[in-house]
Amino acid sequence: MTATTVSAAVVPVTVYTADMEASSGGTVEVPVYFSGADEVGSMDLVLNYDSGVLQATGASTSDIGNNAFVESNIAIPGKITLAMADSSGISGDGEVLLISFTVLGDVGSSTTVSIESVELHNVELVEVMTETENGIVTVADAASGSESAGYGGMMLISLGVFCLCAFLMKRKN
């Protein structure tokens, strides 16, 4: 009888930012995502960006990272250094952090939000393999159909419908 050794495949966690649009003069929250996370207990992350297009203002946890603690250093223009910890571990796919920026660039400008370095550890403090993907933030005209403009328009329509219904109900009585 021959013994067979089966070794588990090591699947890296993908850490990435996505492409998005932002309005000149406004603010934007750039999400940092995990894909394939399994009990990630800590992350050290350094992001680079064009300080002529964006100015970092802070970071907060989001979605699958909402129980984590995060600290950020935004002292160096064009670079944000982050440390995150979650003693219960983060598992799954989704937004982990939101990086807040003021948009300084003119319409048509853009910057890559690049991951300079990332280091993950699981809840047992074992280093986790990672892959990274960078996103691009493009400065667009606020009227070009950005998500926030669409949300505001939808809120105005909803308010108008509500007022119309209230008026008709009052008139009926």
N, C-alpha and C. Protein backbone atom coordinates (compact mmCIF):
# COMPACT_ATOMS: atom_id res chain seq x y z
N MET A 1 0.85 -1.16 0.00
CA MET A 1 0.00 0.00 0.00
C MET A 1 0.90 1.23 0.00
N THR A 2 0.57 2.20 -0.83
CA THR A 2 1.35 3.42 -0.97
C THR A 2 0.59 4.58 -0.35
N ALA A 3 1.29 5.35 0.47
CA ALA A 3 0.67 6.54 1.09
C ALA A 3 0.76 7.69 0.11
N THR A 4 -0.31 8.44 0.02
CA THR A 4 -0.36 9.60 -0.87
C THR A 4 -0.48 10.87 -0.02
N THR A 5 0.37 11.81 -0.29
CA THR A 5 0.31 13.10 0.41
C THR A 5 -0.44 14.10 -0.47
N VAL A 6 -1.44 14.71 0.09
CA VAL A 6 -2.21 15.71 -0.63
C VAL A 6 -1.93 17.06 0.02
N SER A 7 -1.41 17.98 -0.75
CA SER A 7 -1.18 19.31 -0.21
C SER A 7 -2.25 20.26 -0.73
N ALA A 8 -2.73 21.09 0.17
CA ALA A 8 -3.77 22.05 -0.20
C ALA A 8 -3.15 23.14 -1.07
N ALA A 9 -3.89 23.54 -2.08
CA ALA A 9 -3.43 24.63 -2.94
C ALA A 9 -3.54 25.95 -2.17
N VAL A 10 -2.55 26.77 -2.31
CA VAL A 10 -2.57 28.08 -1.67
C VAL A 10 -3.16 29.07 -2.67
N VAL A 11 -4.30 29.61 -2.31
CA VAL A 11 -4.99 30.55 -3.18
C VAL A 11 -4.77 31.96 -2.62
N PRO A 12 -4.17 32.84 -3.40
CA PRO A 12 -3.92 34.19 -2.89
C PRO A 12 -5.21 35.01 -2.78
N VAL A 13 -5.18 35.96 -1.87
CA VAL A 13 -6.27 36.94 -1.75
C VAL A 13 -5.94 38.08 -2.70
N THR A 14 -6.92 38.47 -3.51
CA THR A 14 -6.73 39.62 -4.39
C THR A 14 -7.18 40.87 -3.66
N VAL A 15 -6.30 41.86 -3.61
CA VAL A 15 -6.59 43.16 -3.01
C VAL A 15 -6.59 44.15 -4.17
N TYR A 16 -7.70 44.89 -4.33
CA TYR A 16 -7.78 45.77 -5.50
C TYR A 16 -8.65 46.99 -5.27
N THR A 17 -8.41 47.98 -6.13
CA THR A 17 -9.27 49.16 -6.24
C THR A 17 -9.89 49.11 -7.63
N ALA A 18 -11.07 49.68 -7.78
CA ALA A 18 -11.78 49.62 -9.06
C ALA A 18 -11.72 50.96 -9.78
N ASP A 19 -11.96 50.93 -11.08
CA ASP A 19 -12.07 52.17 -11.86
C ASP A 19 -13.36 52.88 -11.47
N MET A 20 -13.28 54.21 -11.38
CA MET A 20 -14.47 54.98 -11.05
C MET A 20 -14.33 56.42 -11.52
N GLU A 21 -15.45 57.15 -11.50
CA GLU A 21 -15.47 58.55 -11.87
C GLU A 21 -15.74 59.39 -10.63
N ALA A 22 -15.23 60.63 -10.65
CA ALA A 22 -15.43 61.57 -9.56
C ALA A 22 -15.67 62.95 -10.16
N SER A 23 -16.37 63.80 -9.42
CA SER A 23 -16.67 65.16 -9.88
C SER A 23 -15.60 66.13 -9.40
N SER A 24 -15.13 66.97 -10.31
CA SER A 24 -14.12 67.98 -9.97
C SER A 24 -14.64 68.89 -8.86
N GLY A 25 -13.81 69.09 -7.84
CA GLY A 25 -14.19 69.93 -6.72
C GLY A 25 -14.99 69.21 -5.65
N GLY A 26 -15.38 67.97 -5.91
CA GLY A 26 -16.17 67.21 -4.96
C GLY A 26 -15.32 66.29 -4.12
N THR A 27 -15.98 65.31 -3.55
CA THR A 27 -15.30 64.27 -2.80
C THR A 27 -15.64 62.92 -3.41
N VAL A 28 -14.77 61.96 -3.17
CA VAL A 28 -15.01 60.62 -3.67
C VAL A 28 -14.46 59.62 -2.66
N GLU A 29 -15.17 58.51 -2.51
CA GLU A 29 -14.70 57.42 -1.66
C GLU A 29 -14.29 56.27 -2.57
N VAL A 30 -13.01 55.93 -2.54
CA VAL A 30 -12.47 54.87 -3.38
C VAL A 30 -12.44 53.59 -2.54
N PRO A 31 -13.19 52.57 -2.94
CA PRO A 31 -13.19 51.33 -2.16
C PRO A 31 -11.94 50.49 -2.42
N VAL A 32 -11.52 49.80 -1.37
CA VAL A 32 -10.49 48.77 -1.47
C VAL A 32 -11.22 47.45 -1.24
N TYR A 33 -11.02 46.51 -2.15
CA TYR A 33 -11.74 45.24 -2.13
C TYR A 33 -10.83 44.07 -1.80
N PHE A 34 -11.43 43.02 -1.21
CA PHE A 34 -10.82 41.70 -1.08
C PHE A 34 -11.60 40.76 -1.98
N SER A 35 -10.89 39.83 -2.58
CA SER A 35 -11.52 38.71 -3.28
C SER A 35 -10.82 37.45 -2.81
N GLY A 36 -11.60 36.53 -2.26
CA GLY A 36 -11.05 35.26 -1.79
C GLY A 36 -10.45 35.32 -0.40
N ALA A 37 -10.88 36.26 0.43
CA ALA A 37 -10.34 36.37 1.79
C ALA A 37 -10.84 35.23 2.66
N ASP A 38 -9.95 34.74 3.53
CA ASP A 38 -10.30 33.67 4.46
C ASP A 38 -9.65 33.96 5.80
N GLU A 39 -10.43 34.53 6.71
CA GLU A 39 -9.98 34.86 8.06
C GLU A 39 -8.75 35.78 8.07
N VAL A 40 -8.80 36.84 7.24
CA VAL A 40 -7.73 37.84 7.23
C VAL A 40 -7.85 38.65 8.52
N GLY A 41 -6.78 38.66 9.31
CA GLY A 41 -6.79 39.35 10.60
C GLY A 41 -6.14 40.72 10.56
N SER A 42 -5.23 40.93 9.59
CA SER A 42 -4.59 42.24 9.52
C SER A 42 -4.11 42.53 8.11
N MET A 43 -3.99 43.83 7.83
CA MET A 43 -3.48 44.27 6.54
C MET A 43 -2.67 45.55 6.74
N ASP A 44 -1.51 45.59 6.11
CA ASP A 44 -0.72 46.81 5.97
C ASP A 44 -0.74 47.14 4.49
N LEU A 45 -1.16 48.37 4.16
CA LEU A 45 -1.38 48.73 2.77
C LEU A 45 -0.83 50.13 2.51
N VAL A 46 -0.12 50.28 1.39
CA VAL A 46 0.35 51.60 0.95
C VAL A 46 -0.19 51.83 -0.45
N LEU A 47 -0.92 52.93 -0.62
CA LEU A 47 -1.49 53.32 -1.92
C LEU A 47 -0.82 54.60 -2.40
N ASN A 48 -0.60 54.67 -3.71
CA ASN A 48 -0.06 55.88 -4.34
C ASN A 48 -1.08 56.43 -5.32
N TYR A 49 -1.08 57.76 -5.51
CA TYR A 49 -1.99 58.43 -6.42
C TYR A 49 -1.38 59.77 -6.78
N ASP A 50 -1.90 60.43 -7.80
CA ASP A 50 -1.42 61.74 -8.23
C ASP A 50 -2.03 62.80 -7.32
N SER A 51 -1.17 63.49 -6.54
CA SER A 51 -1.67 64.49 -5.60
C SER A 51 -2.18 65.76 -6.30
N GLY A 52 -1.98 65.88 -7.61
CA GLY A 52 -2.57 66.98 -8.35
C GLY A 52 -4.01 66.70 -8.74
N VAL A 53 -4.42 65.43 -8.62
CA VAL A 53 -5.78 65.03 -8.98
C VAL A 53 -6.62 64.76 -7.73
N LEU A 54 -6.03 64.12 -6.72
CA LEU A 54 -6.74 63.76 -5.50
C LEU A 54 -5.94 64.19 -4.28
N GLN A 55 -6.66 64.43 -3.18
CA GLN A 55 -6.05 64.70 -1.89
C GLN A 55 -6.73 63.82 -0.87
N ALA A 56 -6.00 62.88 -0.27
CA ALA A 56 -6.58 61.96 0.72
C ALA A 56 -7.01 62.72 1.96
N THR A 57 -8.18 62.34 2.49
CA THR A 57 -8.69 62.96 3.71
C THR A 57 -8.90 61.95 4.83
N GLY A 58 -8.84 60.64 4.52
CA GLY A 58 -9.02 59.64 5.57
C GLY A 58 -9.46 58.31 5.03
N ALA A 59 -9.72 57.38 5.94
CA ALA A 59 -10.14 56.04 5.57
C ALA A 59 -11.10 55.50 6.63
N SER A 60 -11.99 54.63 6.19
CA SER A 60 -12.94 53.98 7.11
C SER A 60 -13.19 52.57 6.63
N THR A 61 -13.71 51.74 7.52
CA THR A 61 -14.03 50.37 7.15
C THR A 61 -15.36 50.33 6.40
N SER A 62 -15.58 49.24 5.69
CA SER A 62 -16.78 49.11 4.87
C SER A 62 -17.17 47.65 4.72
N ASP A 63 -18.43 47.39 4.51
CA ASP A 63 -18.99 46.06 4.21
C ASP A 63 -18.31 44.92 4.96
N ILE A 64 -17.54 44.09 4.25
CA ILE A 64 -16.99 42.90 4.91
C ILE A 64 -15.91 43.25 5.93
N GLY A 65 -15.43 44.47 5.94
CA GLY A 65 -14.44 44.90 6.91
C GLY A 65 -15.01 45.78 8.02
N ASN A 66 -16.34 45.80 8.16
CA ASN A 66 -16.98 46.75 9.07
C ASN A 66 -16.68 46.53 10.54
N ASN A 67 -16.17 45.36 10.92
CA ASN A 67 -15.80 45.12 12.32
C ASN A 67 -14.34 45.39 12.59
N ALA A 68 -13.60 45.78 11.57
CA ALA A 68 -12.16 46.00 11.71
C ALA A 68 -11.86 47.38 12.28
N PHE A 69 -10.65 47.53 12.75
CA PHE A 69 -10.10 48.80 13.20
C PHE A 69 -9.12 49.25 12.14
N VAL A 70 -9.17 50.53 11.74
CA VAL A 70 -8.26 51.02 10.71
C VAL A 70 -7.61 52.33 11.15
N GLU A 71 -6.34 52.46 10.84
CA GLU A 71 -5.58 53.70 11.06
C GLU A 71 -4.98 54.10 9.72
N SER A 72 -4.96 55.40 9.44
CA SER A 72 -4.38 55.87 8.19
C SER A 72 -3.41 57.01 8.43
N ASN A 73 -2.41 57.10 7.56
CA ASN A 73 -1.46 58.20 7.58
C ASN A 73 -1.51 58.85 6.20
N ILE A 74 -1.95 60.12 6.18
CA ILE A 74 -2.10 60.85 4.90
C ILE A 74 -1.15 62.03 4.83
N ALA A 75 -0.11 62.02 5.65
CA ALA A 75 0.80 63.17 5.76
C ALA A 75 1.59 63.45 4.48
N ILE A 76 1.87 62.42 3.68
CA ILE A 76 2.66 62.59 2.46
C ILE A 76 1.71 62.70 1.27
N PRO A 77 1.68 63.86 0.58
CA PRO A 77 0.80 63.99 -0.59
C PRO A 77 1.12 62.90 -1.63
N GLY A 78 0.07 62.28 -2.14
CA GLY A 78 0.24 61.23 -3.15
C GLY A 78 0.42 59.84 -2.57
N LYS A 79 0.37 59.72 -1.25
CA LYS A 79 0.57 58.40 -0.62
C LYS A 79 -0.31 58.31 0.62
N ILE A 80 -0.95 57.17 0.79
CA ILE A 80 -1.70 56.89 2.02
C ILE A 80 -1.25 55.53 2.53
N THR A 81 -0.89 55.51 3.82
CA THR A 81 -0.45 54.29 4.47
C THR A 81 -1.54 53.87 5.45
N LEU A 82 -1.95 52.61 5.36
CA LEU A 82 -3.06 52.11 6.16
C LEU A 82 -2.66 50.86 6.93
N ALA A 83 -3.20 50.74 8.14
CA ALA A 83 -3.07 49.52 8.93
C ALA A 83 -4.47 49.15 9.39
N MET A 84 -4.83 47.89 9.21
CA MET A 84 -6.16 47.42 9.57
C MET A 84 -6.03 46.14 10.36
N ALA A 85 -6.90 45.95 11.36
CA ALA A 85 -6.89 44.71 12.15
C ALA A 85 -8.32 44.31 12.48
N ASP A 86 -8.57 43.00 12.46
CA ASP A 86 -9.87 42.44 12.82
C ASP A 86 -9.61 41.10 13.50
N SER A 87 -9.80 41.04 14.81
CA SER A 87 -9.46 39.84 15.58
C SER A 87 -10.33 38.64 15.22
N SER A 88 -11.52 38.88 14.66
CA SER A 88 -12.39 37.76 14.28
C SER A 88 -12.13 37.29 12.85
N GLY A 89 -11.36 38.07 12.08
CA GLY A 89 -11.02 37.68 10.71
C GLY A 89 -12.05 38.12 9.70
N ILE A 90 -11.57 38.47 8.52
CA ILE A 90 -12.43 38.89 7.42
C ILE A 90 -12.41 37.80 6.36
N SER A 91 -13.59 37.34 5.97
CA SER A 91 -13.69 36.29 4.96
C SER A 91 -14.66 36.71 3.88
N GLY A 92 -14.39 36.24 2.66
CA GLY A 92 -15.30 36.49 1.55
C GLY A 92 -14.78 37.49 0.56
N ASP A 93 -15.71 38.02 -0.23
CA ASP A 93 -15.41 38.98 -1.29
C ASP A 93 -16.19 40.26 -1.01
N GLY A 94 -15.56 41.41 -1.23
CA GLY A 94 -16.29 42.66 -1.10
C GLY A 94 -15.42 43.81 -0.64
N GLU A 95 -16.08 44.94 -0.39
CA GLU A 95 -15.41 46.16 0.07
C GLU A 95 -14.90 45.96 1.49
N VAL A 96 -13.65 46.34 1.71
CA VAL A 96 -13.05 46.25 3.03
C VAL A 96 -12.87 47.65 3.62
N LEU A 97 -12.37 48.56 2.79
CA LEU A 97 -12.09 49.93 3.23
C LEU A 97 -12.64 50.93 2.22
N LEU A 98 -12.90 52.14 2.69
CA LEU A 98 -13.21 53.27 1.82
C LEU A 98 -12.18 54.34 2.10
N ILE A 99 -11.49 54.78 1.05
CA ILE A 99 -10.51 55.85 1.16
C ILE A 99 -11.18 57.13 0.67
N SER A 100 -11.22 58.15 1.51
CA SER A 100 -11.88 59.41 1.16
C SER A 100 -10.87 60.38 0.57
N PHE A 101 -11.28 61.01 -0.54
CA PHE A 101 -10.44 61.98 -1.23
C PHE A 101 -11.24 63.23 -1.55
N THR A 102 -10.56 64.37 -1.59
CA THR A 102 -11.08 65.58 -2.21
C THR A 102 -10.55 65.57 -3.64
N VAL A 103 -11.41 65.87 -4.60
CA VAL A 103 -11.03 65.83 -6.01
C VAL A 103 -10.50 67.21 -6.40
N LEU A 104 -9.21 67.27 -6.74
CA LEU A 104 -8.55 68.53 -7.09
C LEU A 104 -8.42 68.71 -8.60
N GLY A 105 -8.42 67.60 -9.35
CA GLY A 105 -8.16 67.64 -10.78
C GLY A 105 -9.28 68.24 -11.60
N ASP A 106 -8.91 68.69 -12.80
CA ASP A 106 -9.88 69.22 -13.74
C ASP A 106 -10.58 68.08 -14.46
N VAL A 107 -11.74 68.37 -15.05
CA VAL A 107 -12.47 67.38 -15.83
C VAL A 107 -11.55 66.82 -16.91
N GLY A 108 -11.52 65.51 -17.02
CA GLY A 108 -10.68 64.82 -18.00
C GLY A 108 -9.38 64.30 -17.42
N SER A 109 -8.96 64.80 -16.26
CA SER A 109 -7.74 64.28 -15.65
C SER A 109 -8.05 62.96 -14.96
N SER A 110 -7.01 62.20 -14.70
CA SER A 110 -7.20 60.92 -14.03
C SER A 110 -5.94 60.54 -13.27
N THR A 111 -6.08 59.60 -12.38
CA THR A 111 -4.95 59.05 -11.65
C THR A 111 -5.18 57.59 -11.35
N THR A 112 -4.11 56.83 -11.41
CA THR A 112 -4.16 55.44 -10.97
C THR A 112 -4.02 55.43 -9.46
N VAL A 113 -4.91 54.72 -8.79
CA VAL A 113 -4.78 54.50 -7.36
C VAL A 113 -4.08 53.14 -7.26
N SER A 114 -2.74 53.22 -7.13
CA SER A 114 -1.93 52.01 -7.23
C SER A 114 -1.54 51.48 -5.86
N ILE A 115 -1.49 50.18 -5.78
CA ILE A 115 -1.09 49.51 -4.56
C ILE A 115 0.43 49.34 -4.62
N GLU A 116 1.13 50.15 -3.81
CA GLU A 116 2.59 50.07 -3.75
C GLU A 116 3.02 48.81 -3.01
N SER A 117 2.34 48.54 -1.89
CA SER A 117 2.65 47.33 -1.12
C SER A 117 1.43 46.93 -0.31
N VAL A 118 1.31 45.63 -0.08
CA VAL A 118 0.26 45.10 0.77
C VAL A 118 0.79 43.85 1.46
N GLU A 119 0.46 43.74 2.72
CA GLU A 119 0.84 42.56 3.48
C GLU A 119 -0.37 42.15 4.32
N LEU A 120 -0.80 40.91 4.14
CA LEU A 120 -1.94 40.37 4.88
C LEU A 120 -1.46 39.26 5.80
N HIS A 121 -2.13 39.14 6.96
CA HIS A 121 -1.91 38.02 7.87
C HIS A 121 -3.27 37.48 8.28
N ASN A 122 -3.35 36.17 8.48
CA ASN A 122 -4.61 35.61 8.95
C ASN A 122 -4.70 35.81 10.47
N VAL A 123 -5.79 35.33 11.08
CA VAL A 123 -5.99 35.54 12.51
C VAL A 123 -4.96 34.80 13.35
N GLU A 124 -4.26 33.85 12.77
CA GLU A 124 -3.19 33.13 13.48
C GLU A 124 -1.82 33.75 13.21
N LEU A 125 -1.81 34.94 12.58
CA LEU A 125 -0.61 35.73 12.28
C LEU A 125 0.29 35.10 11.23
N VAL A 126 -0.27 34.23 10.40
CA VAL A 126 0.47 33.63 9.30
C VAL A 126 0.27 34.53 8.07
N GLU A 127 1.37 34.86 7.38
CA GLU A 127 1.27 35.72 6.21
C GLU A 127 0.45 35.05 5.12
N VAL A 128 -0.39 35.85 4.47
CA VAL A 128 -1.29 35.38 3.41
C VAL A 128 -0.76 35.90 2.08
N MET A 129 -0.71 35.01 1.08
CA MET A 129 -0.28 35.42 -0.27
C MET A 129 -1.32 36.39 -0.85
N THR A 130 -0.83 37.36 -1.63
CA THR A 130 -1.73 38.35 -2.23
C THR A 130 -1.41 38.57 -3.69
N GLU A 131 -2.44 39.02 -4.39
CA GLU A 131 -2.32 39.57 -5.74
C GLU A 131 -2.97 40.93 -5.67
N THR A 132 -2.56 41.84 -6.55
CA THR A 132 -3.14 43.18 -6.52
C THR A 132 -3.59 43.61 -7.91
N GLU A 133 -4.56 44.51 -7.91
CA GLU A 133 -5.04 45.14 -9.14
C GLU A 133 -5.30 46.61 -8.82
N ASN A 134 -4.83 47.49 -9.69
CA ASN A 134 -4.98 48.93 -9.49
C ASN A 134 -6.19 49.47 -10.23
N GLY A 135 -6.81 50.49 -9.66
CA GLY A 135 -7.94 51.16 -10.30
C GLY A 135 -7.56 52.57 -10.73
N ILE A 136 -8.38 53.14 -11.57
CA ILE A 136 -8.17 54.50 -12.07
C ILE A 136 -9.37 55.37 -11.69
N VAL A 137 -9.09 56.54 -11.13
CA VAL A 137 -10.13 57.53 -10.85
C VAL A 137 -10.03 58.60 -11.93
N THR A 138 -11.15 58.78 -12.66
CA THR A 138 -11.21 59.78 -13.73
C THR A 138 -12.13 60.91 -13.28
N VAL A 139 -11.67 62.13 -13.48
CA VAL A 139 -12.48 63.29 -13.10
C VAL A 139 -13.42 63.60 -14.25
N ALA A 140 -14.71 63.58 -13.93
CA ALA A 140 -15.76 63.79 -14.94
C ALA A 140 -16.62 64.98 -14.54
N ASP A 141 -17.38 65.47 -15.49
CA ASP A 141 -18.33 66.55 -15.25
C ASP A 141 -19.44 66.00 -14.37
N ALA A 142 -19.85 66.77 -13.37
CA ALA A 142 -20.90 66.32 -12.44
C ALA A 142 -22.20 66.00 -13.17
N ALA A 143 -22.47 66.64 -14.29
CA ALA A 143 -23.71 66.41 -15.03
C ALA A 143 -23.62 65.26 -16.01
N SER A 144 -22.50 64.53 -16.00
CA SER A 144 -22.32 63.46 -16.98
C SER A 144 -22.96 62.15 -16.56
N GLY A 145 -23.81 62.21 -15.53
CA GLY A 145 -24.51 61.01 -15.14
C GLY A 145 -23.80 60.25 -14.04
N SER A 146 -23.10 60.97 -13.18
CA SER A 146 -22.44 60.29 -12.08
C SER A 146 -23.48 59.69 -11.15
N GLU A 147 -23.04 58.74 -10.35
CA GLU A 147 -23.94 58.04 -9.46
C GLU A 147 -24.61 58.99 -8.48
N SER A 148 -23.88 59.96 -7.93
CA SER A 148 -24.46 60.87 -6.96
C SER A 148 -25.51 61.78 -7.60
N ALA A 149 -25.28 62.22 -8.82
CA ALA A 149 -26.26 63.06 -9.50
C ALA A 149 -27.53 62.25 -9.77
N GLY A 150 -27.40 60.99 -10.14
CA GLY A 150 -28.55 60.12 -10.38
C GLY A 150 -29.34 59.89 -9.11
N TYR A 151 -28.66 59.72 -8.00
CA TYR A 151 -29.32 59.51 -6.72
C TYR A 151 -30.11 60.76 -6.32
N GLY A 152 -29.52 61.94 -6.48
CA GLY A 152 -30.21 63.18 -6.15
C GLY A 152 -31.45 63.39 -7.00
N GLY A 153 -31.34 63.10 -8.29
CA GLY A 153 -32.48 63.21 -9.18
C GLY A 153 -33.60 62.25 -8.78
N MET A 154 -33.23 61.05 -8.42
CA MET A 154 -34.22 60.05 -8.00
C MET A 154 -34.91 60.49 -6.71
N MET A 155 -34.15 61.10 -5.80
CA MET A 155 -34.75 61.59 -4.56
C MET A 155 -35.76 62.70 -4.84
N LEU A 156 -35.45 63.60 -5.77
CA LEU A 156 -36.39 64.67 -6.10
C LEU A 156 -37.66 64.12 -6.72
N ILE A 157 -37.53 63.15 -7.59
CA ILE A 157 -38.71 62.53 -8.21
C ILE A 157 -39.55 61.84 -7.14
N SER A 158 -38.91 61.11 -6.23
CA SER A 158 -39.63 60.41 -5.16
C SER A 158 -40.38 61.40 -4.27
N LEU A 159 -39.72 62.50 -3.94
CA LEU A 159 -40.36 63.53 -3.12
C LEU A 159 -41.56 64.11 -3.85
N GLY A 160 -41.43 64.36 -5.15
CA GLY A 160 -42.54 64.89 -5.94
C GLY A 160 -43.72 63.94 -5.98
N VAL A 161 -43.46 62.65 -6.16
CA VAL A 161 -44.53 61.66 -6.17
C VAL A 161 -45.21 61.60 -4.81
N PHE A 162 -44.43 61.63 -3.74
CA PHE A 162 -44.99 61.60 -2.39
C PHE A 162 -45.91 62.80 -2.16
N CYS A 163 -45.45 63.99 -2.54
CA CYS A 163 -46.26 65.21 -2.36
C CYS A 163 -47.55 65.14 -3.18
N LEU A 164 -47.46 64.64 -4.40
CA LEU A 164 -48.64 64.50 -5.25
C LEU A 164 -49.64 63.55 -4.63
N CYS A 165 -49.17 62.41 -4.12
CA CYS A 165 -50.07 61.44 -3.48
C CYS A 165 -50.72 62.04 -2.24
N ALA A 166 -49.94 62.75 -1.42
CA ALA A 166 -50.49 63.39 -0.22
C ALA A 166 -51.55 64.41 -0.59
N PHE A 167 -51.30 65.21 -1.63
CA PHE A 167 -52.25 66.22 -2.08
C PHE A 167 -53.54 65.55 -2.55
N LEU A 168 -53.43 64.48 -3.35
CA LEU A 168 -54.61 63.79 -3.87
C LEU A 168 -55.41 63.13 -2.76
N MET A 169 -54.73 62.55 -1.78
CA MET A 169 -55.43 61.91 -0.66
C MET A 169 -56.17 62.96 0.19
N LYS A 170 -55.53 64.10 0.41
CA LYS A 170 -56.14 65.16 1.19
C LYS A 170 -57.36 65.72 0.46
N ARG A 171 -57.23 65.86 -0.86
CA ARG A 171 -58.32 66.39 -1.68
C ARG A 171 -59.50 65.43 -1.70
N LYS A 172 -59.21 64.12 -1.69
CA LYS A 172 -60.26 63.10 -1.73
C LYS A 172 -61.08 63.11 -0.45
N ASN A 173 -60.47 63.43 0.68
CA ASN A 173 -61.16 63.46 1.98
C ASN A 173 -61.89 64.74 2.09
